[in-house]
Amino acid sequence: MRIVLGWAFLFSLVFPARVYELNWPAGRTFPQYLTDHNQTQLLRTITAEDMQYVTEIEAGERYYELRDNGVVLQALIPIGEEMQIQLRRERTGEYRFDIVPIVFREVKDAVSFPILDSYHKQIDRHTHYPRLSYVLAQLYKGDLSFRTLQPDDHVAFAYAQKERLGRPLGTPRIKAALIDTHGKEHFVFVTPKGEVYRGVDKTVTITRNEKRPFTYTTVRKVPSARFRMPLDHPRITSRFTYRRWHPILHKYRPHFGVDFGAKRGTPLRAVNDGRVVYAGWMRGYGKVVKIDHGGGFVSLYAHQSKILVKLKQHVKRGQVIGKVGSTGRSTGPHLHFGLYHHGKPVDPLHYIARKGIGKTRSVVVKHTVMKTYPVTRKRAVRIRGARAMKKRLHTLIRQETTDNEQWSERNRTMIPINEIPVDGETQQGDHHG
């Protein structure tokens, strides 16, 4: 910067052009500015999109003009902190309009001091830049009141400031601050994206899908007895026994079942759900159906007059599977009903409902399945650069460093802008910031 200004001073010995710093008047528009300089024809060359930008010139904004005997050779008018309007006079006398980036540099600085009196006075005393006290106070708003700061409390902060021609441009950006008050530390860290954290760690939320067992229950009605009666209106004529006088053989023989007296053609019903494992003629029993009910239980229906199911057919509890008859070795129409458990004959009356179908009861069944759930967990993660910055500010507090940027002092060492001679031929760009 100083090299540019030095060359400008040398060129001033030959060329009379000078740079002037001015303030944009309140209420003034860019078209009025062009009218004042007899350049209204330039408005026709400005696109509608660019015209939207030129309306953002703020009142009081510093802008610069390069003049030669009252003729404006070049003008730089800021629109925000990043861009500026550039007007430059061609050799033909016509003006060219453009919007170009503002050339600036970023000053990085750190300040540390103990509280002796007013916090605002301290900032002004150490930096000659009162704007910093406001920005720092806003950063701690809602967490710390600067009115509570007492003597011997310490303040340290690091910040960055855009600089143009030795003067601050825009709002300073506090990068981190550490205030030690009443023996308690208040640390604030600001990321380049402007995220504010009050510590060196941040809490992040992580959501992942995880499989977990899910248990639910269902209620269903089941018969109170495992099996129902094989007939709707049962009439027992002979019970299960290991010794019975056989009416045809006239000998004592085991009777592995229960005989039910009934008329020929009376429907026979499956005592429970199952699969037909036999349907056909069986010696002594005549026409027979056998059903496997699972759990080791098989039921047998003998002496039928007609079989109504087929081998391997699945049947439901209460379904008609045949009709009462007197086939095989029989003295008359009846049903011989047998029940076997793992191949061993058992007394059917111990397992079937005594009165027809039997009462029902409610059974609660638990089911467990694996389901996918979104699981959210929180954990602390280090903020990049925060720990190092806090350590740096700690060091500054211990050293009570006061060697920092003095903005007003810097300005006093610069050549006043309206006295800088500039080469009248260097019109093609912004050579002054």
Protein backbone atom coordinates (compact mmCIF):
# COMPACT_ATOMS: atom_id res chain seq x y z
CA MET A 1 0.00 0.00 0.00
CA ARG A 2 2.73 2.47 0.98
CA ILE A 3 4.69 1.61 -2.24
CA VAL A 4 1.59 2.53 -4.31
CA LEU A 5 1.19 5.81 -2.47
CA GLY A 6 4.88 6.60 -2.89
CA TRP A 7 4.73 6.12 -6.64
CA ALA A 8 1.60 8.26 -6.70
CA PHE A 9 3.50 11.09 -5.02
CA LEU A 10 6.31 10.92 -7.62
CA PHE A 11 3.82 11.01 -10.48
CA SER A 12 2.21 14.09 -8.91
CA LEU A 13 5.27 16.12 -9.83
CA VAL A 14 4.27 15.70 -13.48
CA PHE A 15 0.48 15.10 -13.44
CA PRO A 16 -1.95 17.30 -11.51
CA ALA A 17 -4.70 14.63 -10.94
CA ARG A 18 -5.76 14.10 -7.31
CA VAL A 19 -7.95 11.63 -5.35
CA TYR A 20 -10.74 12.98 -3.16
CA GLU A 21 -12.63 11.14 -0.43
CA LEU A 22 -16.26 12.18 -0.16
CA ASN A 23 -19.41 11.15 1.72
CA TRP A 24 -22.51 10.10 -0.23
CA PRO A 25 -25.29 12.62 0.62
CA ALA A 26 -28.56 11.38 2.09
CA GLY A 27 -31.34 11.09 -0.49
CA ARG A 28 -28.97 11.24 -3.44
CA THR A 29 -29.49 8.63 -6.21
CA PHE A 30 -27.00 7.34 -8.72
CA PRO A 31 -28.93 8.82 -11.69
CA GLN A 32 -28.73 12.23 -9.93
CA TYR A 33 -24.97 11.71 -9.56
CA LEU A 34 -24.64 11.12 -13.32
CA THR A 35 -26.83 14.15 -14.05
CA ASP A 36 -24.58 16.33 -11.88
CA HIS A 37 -21.64 15.22 -14.06
CA ASN A 38 -23.51 15.57 -17.38
CA GLN A 39 -23.47 11.80 -17.99
CA THR A 40 -27.17 10.97 -18.22
CA GLN A 41 -26.56 9.14 -21.53
CA LEU A 42 -24.62 6.53 -19.53
CA LEU A 43 -27.88 5.39 -17.90
CA ARG A 44 -28.95 3.81 -21.20
CA THR A 45 -25.95 1.47 -21.12
CA ILE A 46 -26.72 0.14 -17.61
CA THR A 47 -28.75 -3.09 -17.50
CA ALA A 48 -31.87 -3.45 -15.36
CA GLU A 49 -30.02 -5.98 -13.18
CA ASP A 50 -27.15 -3.57 -12.52
CA MET A 51 -29.60 -0.76 -11.78
CA GLN A 52 -30.88 -2.83 -8.84
CA TYR A 53 -27.39 -2.79 -7.36
CA VAL A 54 -26.78 0.94 -7.74
CA THR A 55 -29.82 1.65 -5.56
CA GLU A 56 -27.98 0.12 -2.58
CA ILE A 57 -25.60 3.04 -2.06
CA GLU A 58 -25.98 4.02 1.60
CA ALA A 59 -26.08 7.58 2.84
CA GLY A 60 -22.77 8.63 4.42
CA GLU A 61 -20.81 5.96 2.48
CA ARG A 62 -17.26 7.04 1.66
CA TYR A 63 -16.55 7.13 -2.08
CA TYR A 64 -13.57 8.30 -4.08
CA GLU A 65 -13.05 10.48 -7.14
CA LEU A 66 -9.90 10.98 -9.20
CA ARG A 67 -10.07 14.53 -10.62
CA ASP A 68 -7.99 16.53 -13.05
CA ASN A 69 -8.78 20.24 -13.06
CA GLY A 70 -12.31 19.47 -11.86
CA VAL A 71 -12.90 16.71 -14.42
CA VAL A 72 -13.70 13.31 -12.90
CA LEU A 73 -11.34 10.77 -14.45
CA GLN A 74 -12.45 7.88 -12.26
CA ALA A 75 -14.93 7.27 -9.43
CA LEU A 76 -15.26 4.37 -7.00
CA ILE A 77 -18.59 4.18 -5.17
CA PRO A 78 -19.04 1.23 -2.70
CA ILE A 79 -22.28 -0.77 -2.72
CA GLY A 80 -21.92 -2.95 0.37
CA GLU A 81 -18.66 -4.36 1.71
CA GLU A 82 -17.65 -6.45 -1.29
CA MET A 83 -18.52 -4.58 -4.51
CA GLN A 84 -18.25 -1.03 -5.87
CA ILE A 85 -19.32 1.00 -8.87
CA GLN A 86 -16.43 2.04 -11.09
CA LEU A 87 -16.75 4.97 -13.50
CA ARG A 88 -13.78 5.77 -15.68
CA ARG A 89 -13.30 8.35 -18.40
CA GLU A 90 -12.03 7.14 -21.76
CA ARG A 91 -9.72 9.20 -24.01
CA THR A 92 -12.78 10.00 -26.14
CA GLY A 93 -14.35 11.77 -23.17
CA GLU A 94 -17.05 9.14 -22.72
CA TYR A 95 -17.50 7.25 -19.44
CA ARG A 96 -17.51 3.50 -18.92
CA PHE A 97 -19.67 1.91 -16.16
CA ASP A 98 -18.76 -1.30 -14.34
CA ILE A 99 -19.29 -3.09 -11.01
CA VAL A 100 -16.04 -4.49 -9.62
CA PRO A 101 -14.86 -6.07 -6.35
CA ILE A 102 -13.52 -3.80 -3.62
CA VAL A 103 -9.82 -4.36 -3.07
CA PHE A 104 -9.13 -4.66 0.66
CA ARG A 105 -6.91 -6.54 3.06
CA GLU A 106 -7.92 -8.24 6.28
CA VAL A 107 -6.19 -7.19 9.48
CA LYS A 108 -6.05 -9.82 12.23
CA ASP A 109 -5.39 -8.68 15.76
CA ALA A 110 -5.70 -9.75 19.39
CA VAL A 111 -6.31 -7.51 22.40
CA SER A 112 -5.90 -8.21 26.13
CA PHE A 113 -6.30 -5.89 29.12
CA PRO A 114 -7.44 -5.85 32.74
CA ILE A 115 -10.54 -3.84 33.63
CA LEU A 116 -9.54 -0.57 35.29
CA ASP A 117 -12.59 1.59 34.65
CA SER A 118 -15.33 1.61 32.00
CA TYR A 119 -15.18 -1.34 29.63
CA HIS A 120 -16.02 0.87 26.65
CA LYS A 121 -13.26 3.34 27.57
CA GLN A 122 -10.81 0.46 27.86
CA ILE A 123 -11.60 -0.74 24.31
CA ASP A 124 -11.24 2.80 22.96
CA ARG A 125 -8.00 3.30 24.89
CA HIS A 126 -6.37 0.13 23.56
CA THR A 127 -7.66 0.12 19.98
CA HIS A 128 -9.01 3.63 19.29
CA TYR A 129 -11.85 1.74 17.64
CA PRO A 130 -15.09 2.05 19.70
CA ARG A 131 -16.99 -0.15 17.23
CA LEU A 132 -15.27 -3.21 18.76
CA SER A 133 -16.89 -2.68 22.17
CA TYR A 134 -20.37 -2.84 20.62
CA VAL A 135 -19.63 -5.99 18.58
CA LEU A 136 -18.12 -7.77 21.61
CA ALA A 137 -21.07 -6.83 23.84
CA GLN A 138 -23.52 -8.19 21.24
CA LEU A 139 -21.59 -11.47 21.16
CA TYR A 140 -22.14 -11.97 24.90
CA LYS A 141 -25.72 -10.73 24.91
CA GLY A 142 -27.92 -12.92 27.09
CA ASP A 143 -24.94 -14.57 28.76
CA LEU A 144 -22.90 -11.81 30.36
CA SER A 145 -23.64 -8.17 31.18
CA PHE A 146 -20.59 -5.95 30.82
CA ARG A 147 -22.00 -3.70 33.52
CA THR A 148 -21.04 -6.39 36.03
CA LEU A 149 -17.35 -6.29 35.12
CA GLN A 150 -15.20 -5.30 38.11
CA PRO A 151 -11.64 -4.02 38.43
CA ASP A 152 -9.04 -6.75 37.91
CA ASP A 153 -11.38 -8.72 35.65
CA HIS A 154 -9.62 -9.53 32.38
CA VAL A 155 -10.76 -9.25 28.79
CA ALA A 156 -9.04 -10.82 25.80
CA PHE A 157 -10.32 -11.23 22.27
CA ALA A 158 -9.12 -11.85 18.73
CA TYR A 159 -10.78 -10.24 15.76
CA ALA A 160 -10.44 -9.63 12.03
CA GLN A 161 -11.20 -6.36 10.27
CA LYS A 162 -11.33 -5.49 6.60
CA GLU A 163 -9.10 -2.50 5.83
CA ARG A 164 -9.16 -0.12 2.90
CA LEU A 165 -6.72 2.75 2.61
CA GLY A 166 -5.78 2.40 6.28
CA ARG A 167 -9.38 2.62 7.47
CA PRO A 168 -11.71 -0.13 8.72
CA LEU A 169 -14.22 -1.35 6.17
CA GLY A 170 -17.50 -2.80 7.37
CA THR A 171 -18.12 -4.50 10.72
CA PRO A 172 -15.25 -6.18 12.60
CA ARG A 173 -15.55 -9.94 13.07
CA ILE A 174 -14.80 -11.24 16.57
CA LYS A 175 -13.13 -14.65 16.18
CA ALA A 176 -12.97 -15.56 19.88
CA ALA A 177 -13.20 -13.87 23.28
CA LEU A 178 -12.29 -14.83 26.83
CA ILE A 179 -13.52 -12.84 29.81
CA ASP A 180 -12.37 -13.76 33.29
CA THR A 181 -14.77 -12.21 35.78
CA HIS A 182 -15.25 -13.06 39.46
CA GLY A 183 -12.99 -16.08 38.93
CA LYS A 184 -15.27 -17.51 36.23
CA GLU A 185 -14.30 -17.78 32.59
CA HIS A 186 -16.67 -16.89 29.76
CA PHE A 187 -15.29 -18.17 26.46
CA VAL A 188 -16.94 -17.58 23.10
CA PHE A 189 -15.76 -18.94 19.77
CA VAL A 190 -17.10 -17.87 16.38
CA THR A 191 -16.54 -20.06 13.31
CA PRO A 192 -15.80 -18.54 9.89
CA LYS A 193 -19.44 -19.28 9.01
CA GLY A 194 -20.61 -17.13 11.93
CA GLU A 195 -21.68 -19.99 14.24
CA VAL A 196 -21.32 -18.96 17.88
CA TYR A 197 -20.27 -21.50 20.54
CA ARG A 198 -19.74 -20.93 24.25
CA GLY A 199 -16.99 -23.49 24.72
CA VAL A 200 -14.41 -25.58 22.88
CA ASP A 201 -16.86 -28.43 22.25
CA LYS A 202 -20.20 -28.56 20.53
CA THR A 203 -23.03 -31.03 20.93
CA VAL A 204 -23.97 -32.84 17.75
CA THR A 205 -26.97 -35.08 17.22
CA ILE A 206 -26.40 -38.32 15.33
CA THR A 207 -29.34 -40.40 14.11
CA ARG A 208 -28.76 -43.98 13.01
CA ASN A 209 -31.05 -46.89 12.18
CA GLU A 210 -30.64 -49.77 14.61
CA LYS A 211 -32.44 -53.10 14.92
CA ARG A 212 -34.01 -53.85 18.27
CA PRO A 213 -36.39 -56.55 19.49
CA PHE A 214 -40.02 -55.47 19.50
CA THR A 215 -42.49 -57.43 21.60
CA TYR A 216 -46.24 -57.27 21.14
CA THR A 217 -49.14 -59.39 22.35
CA THR A 218 -52.26 -60.76 20.71
CA VAL A 219 -55.34 -62.22 22.31
CA ARG A 220 -57.24 -65.06 20.71
CA LYS A 221 -60.12 -67.27 21.72
CA VAL A 222 -59.34 -70.97 22.01
CA PRO A 223 -61.45 -73.88 23.25
CA SER A 224 -61.12 -74.54 26.95
CA ALA A 225 -60.45 -78.22 26.04
CA ARG A 226 -57.82 -79.32 23.56
CA PHE A 227 -60.36 -81.32 21.50
CA ARG A 228 -64.09 -81.09 20.90
CA MET A 229 -66.59 -83.98 20.74
CA PRO A 230 -66.62 -85.80 17.38
CA LEU A 231 -70.47 -85.60 17.31
CA ASP A 232 -72.78 -82.72 18.10
CA HIS A 233 -74.97 -84.80 20.42
CA PRO A 234 -72.72 -87.46 21.92
CA ARG A 235 -74.09 -90.58 23.62
CA ILE A 236 -71.42 -92.80 25.13
CA THR A 237 -72.08 -96.53 24.85
CA SER A 238 -68.63 -97.88 25.72
CA ARG A 239 -65.63 -96.29 27.41
CA PHE A 240 -61.87 -96.62 27.14
CA THR A 241 -60.60 -99.70 29.07
CA TYR A 242 -57.85 -102.31 29.01
CA ARG A 243 -60.39 -105.10 29.63
CA ARG A 244 -63.77 -105.22 27.92
CA TRP A 245 -65.99 -108.16 27.01
CA HIS A 246 -66.09 -108.05 23.22
CA PRO A 247 -69.74 -108.41 22.01
CA ILE A 248 -68.70 -110.24 18.83
CA LEU A 249 -65.57 -112.17 19.83
CA HIS A 250 -67.03 -113.00 23.25
CA LYS A 251 -63.63 -112.51 24.83
CA TYR A 252 -62.00 -109.93 27.03
CA ARG A 253 -60.08 -107.51 24.92
CA PRO A 254 -58.73 -103.93 25.43
CA HIS A 255 -60.99 -101.19 24.11
CA PHE A 256 -58.67 -98.35 23.09
CA GLY A 257 -61.31 -95.74 22.42
CA VAL A 258 -64.82 -94.53 23.16
CA ASP A 259 -67.95 -95.73 21.36
CA PHE A 260 -70.68 -93.18 20.63
CA GLY A 261 -74.11 -94.43 19.69
CA ALA A 262 -75.75 -92.54 16.79
CA LYS A 263 -78.01 -93.00 13.81
CA ARG A 264 -76.57 -93.99 10.47
CA GLY A 265 -75.56 -90.88 8.47
CA THR A 266 -74.98 -88.66 11.52
CA PRO A 267 -72.14 -86.20 10.63
CA LEU A 268 -68.74 -86.89 12.16
CA ARG A 269 -66.62 -83.82 12.95
CA ALA A 270 -62.87 -83.30 13.28
CA VAL A 271 -62.04 -82.81 16.95
CA ASN A 272 -59.35 -80.18 16.05
CA ASP A 273 -57.40 -78.70 13.15
CA GLY A 274 -55.11 -81.14 11.43
CA ARG A 275 -54.08 -83.11 8.36
CA VAL A 276 -55.65 -86.37 7.15
CA VAL A 277 -53.00 -89.11 7.34
CA TYR A 278 -55.32 -92.03 6.54
CA ALA A 279 -58.66 -92.32 4.73
CA GLY A 280 -59.78 -95.81 3.75
CA TRP A 281 -60.57 -99.33 4.88
CA MET A 282 -58.95 -100.74 7.99
CA ARG A 283 -59.36 -104.32 9.15
CA GLY A 284 -61.91 -104.63 11.95
CA TYR A 285 -62.63 -100.85 11.89
CA GLY A 286 -64.18 -100.71 8.44
CA LYS A 287 -64.05 -97.26 6.84
CA VAL A 288 -61.59 -95.15 8.87
CA VAL A 289 -60.21 -91.60 8.89
CA LYS A 290 -57.09 -90.67 10.88
CA ILE A 291 -56.10 -87.03 11.49
CA ASP A 292 -52.73 -85.75 12.73
CA HIS A 293 -53.32 -82.72 14.97
CA GLY A 294 -49.68 -81.96 15.82
CA GLY A 295 -48.04 -82.20 19.19
CA GLY A 296 -47.99 -85.99 18.82
CA PHE A 297 -51.83 -86.35 18.80
CA VAL A 298 -53.66 -88.45 16.18
CA SER A 299 -57.44 -89.07 16.21
CA LEU A 300 -59.23 -92.09 14.69
CA TYR A 301 -62.84 -92.30 13.42
CA ALA A 302 -63.99 -95.89 12.67
CA HIS A 303 -67.04 -97.77 11.26
CA GLN A 304 -68.04 -94.88 8.96
CA SER A 305 -70.66 -95.33 6.31
CA LYS A 306 -69.12 -92.64 4.10
CA ILE A 307 -65.74 -90.85 4.11
CA LEU A 308 -65.87 -87.16 3.09
CA VAL A 309 -62.17 -86.23 3.16
CA LYS A 310 -59.06 -87.27 1.24
CA LEU A 311 -55.55 -88.25 2.22
CA LYS A 312 -53.28 -85.25 3.05
CA GLN A 313 -56.25 -82.92 3.18
CA HIS A 314 -56.12 -80.16 5.84
CA VAL A 315 -59.27 -79.94 7.97
CA LYS A 316 -60.57 -77.45 10.50
CA ARG A 317 -61.92 -78.03 13.96
CA GLY A 318 -65.61 -79.03 13.67
CA GLN A 319 -65.40 -79.81 9.91
CA VAL A 320 -67.52 -82.80 8.77
CA ILE A 321 -65.18 -85.60 7.72
CA GLY A 322 -67.60 -88.53 7.34
CA LYS A 323 -70.85 -90.13 8.46
CA VAL A 324 -71.76 -92.67 11.13
CA GLY A 325 -72.05 -96.22 9.88
CA SER A 326 -71.53 -99.86 10.87
CA THR A 327 -68.74 -101.03 8.58
CA GLY A 328 -66.11 -103.48 9.80
CA ARG A 329 -66.66 -105.59 12.92
CA SER A 330 -69.72 -103.85 14.36
CA THR A 331 -73.03 -104.77 15.96
CA GLY A 332 -74.80 -101.61 14.74
CA PRO A 333 -74.31 -98.02 13.65
CA HIS A 334 -71.96 -96.17 15.99
CA LEU A 335 -68.63 -94.28 16.06
CA HIS A 336 -65.54 -95.77 17.55
CA PHE A 337 -63.35 -92.77 18.40
CA GLY A 338 -59.71 -93.33 19.31
CA LEU A 339 -57.01 -90.87 20.37
CA TYR A 340 -53.26 -91.57 20.27
CA HIS A 341 -50.39 -89.56 21.76
CA HIS A 342 -46.98 -90.35 20.23
CA GLY A 343 -48.41 -93.63 19.02
CA LYS A 344 -49.78 -94.68 22.41
CA PRO A 345 -53.57 -94.95 22.93
CA VAL A 346 -54.98 -92.59 25.57
CA ASP A 347 -58.44 -92.09 27.02
CA PRO A 348 -60.14 -89.52 24.77
CA LEU A 349 -62.43 -88.36 27.57
CA HIS A 350 -59.38 -86.93 29.36
CA TYR A 351 -58.72 -84.57 26.47
CA ILE A 352 -62.03 -83.67 24.87
CA ALA A 353 -64.80 -81.35 26.00
CA ARG A 354 -67.49 -83.33 27.77
CA LYS A 355 -70.31 -81.14 26.45
CA GLY A 356 -70.14 -80.86 22.73
CA ILE A 357 -67.81 -78.13 21.43
CA GLY A 358 -66.70 -76.90 24.85
CA LYS A 359 -66.27 -73.40 26.24
CA THR A 360 -63.65 -70.98 24.93
CA ARG A 361 -60.97 -69.09 26.81
CA SER A 362 -58.75 -66.11 26.01
CA VAL A 363 -55.09 -66.80 25.39
CA VAL A 364 -52.52 -63.99 25.41
CA VAL A 365 -49.67 -64.72 23.03
CA LYS A 366 -46.40 -62.77 23.04
CA HIS A 367 -44.61 -62.17 19.76
CA THR A 368 -41.07 -60.82 19.42
CA VAL A 369 -39.73 -59.49 16.11
CA MET A 370 -36.72 -57.39 15.12
CA LYS A 371 -37.67 -53.89 14.02
CA THR A 372 -35.57 -51.01 12.71
CA TYR A 373 -35.71 -47.84 14.81
CA PRO A 374 -34.09 -44.43 14.25
CA VAL A 375 -31.89 -43.99 17.32
CA THR A 376 -30.74 -40.46 18.16
CA ARG A 377 -27.69 -39.88 20.30
CA LYS A 378 -25.89 -36.73 21.32
CA ARG A 379 -22.18 -36.39 21.81
CA ALA A 380 -19.61 -33.66 22.31
CA VAL A 381 -17.32 -32.91 19.38
CA ARG A 382 -14.33 -30.60 19.41
CA ILE A 383 -14.76 -27.38 17.49
CA ARG A 384 -11.91 -26.99 15.07
CA GLY A 385 -9.53 -24.25 16.23
CA ALA A 386 -11.46 -23.40 19.41
CA ARG A 387 -9.09 -25.10 21.86
CA ALA A 388 -6.01 -23.47 20.32
CA MET A 389 -7.71 -20.06 20.32
CA LYS A 390 -8.66 -20.36 23.98
CA LYS A 391 -5.09 -21.28 24.86
CA ARG A 392 -3.85 -18.24 22.95
CA LEU A 393 -6.20 -15.91 24.80
CA HIS A 394 -5.14 -17.44 28.12
CA THR A 395 -1.54 -16.58 27.23
CA LEU A 396 -2.52 -13.02 26.33
CA ILE A 397 -4.27 -12.54 29.67
CA ARG A 398 -1.22 -13.74 31.58
CA GLN A 399 1.02 -11.43 29.57
CA GLU A 400 -1.52 -8.58 29.57
CA THR A 401 -0.50 -7.84 25.98
CA THR A 402 -1.43 -4.41 24.67
CA ASP A 403 0.51 -4.40 21.39
CA ASN A 404 -2.39 -4.22 18.98
CA GLU A 405 -3.76 -2.29 16.03
CA GLN A 406 -4.35 1.41 16.82
CA TRP A 407 -6.81 2.38 14.13
CA SER A 408 -6.77 6.14 14.72
CA GLU A 409 -2.96 6.06 15.12
CA ARG A 410 -2.70 4.24 11.78
CA ASN A 411 -4.84 6.87 10.12
CA ARG A 412 -2.67 9.67 11.50
CA THR A 413 0.41 8.06 9.90
CA MET A 414 -1.27 7.84 6.49
CA ILE A 415 -1.16 10.65 3.98
CA PRO A 416 -4.62 12.34 3.95
CA ILE A 417 -6.59 10.92 1.04
CA ASN A 418 -7.53 14.27 -0.46
CA GLU A 419 -3.86 15.26 -0.64
CA ILE A 420 -2.56 12.15 -2.44
CA PRO A 421 -1.28 13.06 -5.91
CA VAL A 422 -2.13 10.35 -8.46
CA ASP A 423 -0.92 9.65 -11.99
CA GLY A 424 -3.60 10.89 -14.34
CA GLU A 425 -2.78 8.15 -16.87
CA THR A 426 -3.38 5.23 -14.46
CA GLN A 427 -7.12 5.14 -15.08
CA GLN A 428 -7.60 1.48 -15.97
CA GLY A 429 -8.12 0.13 -12.46
CA ASP A 430 -8.47 0.82 -8.76
CA HIS A 431 -4.90 1.56 -7.65
CA HIS A 432 -5.92 2.89 -4.25
CA GLY A 433 -7.69 0.08 -2.51
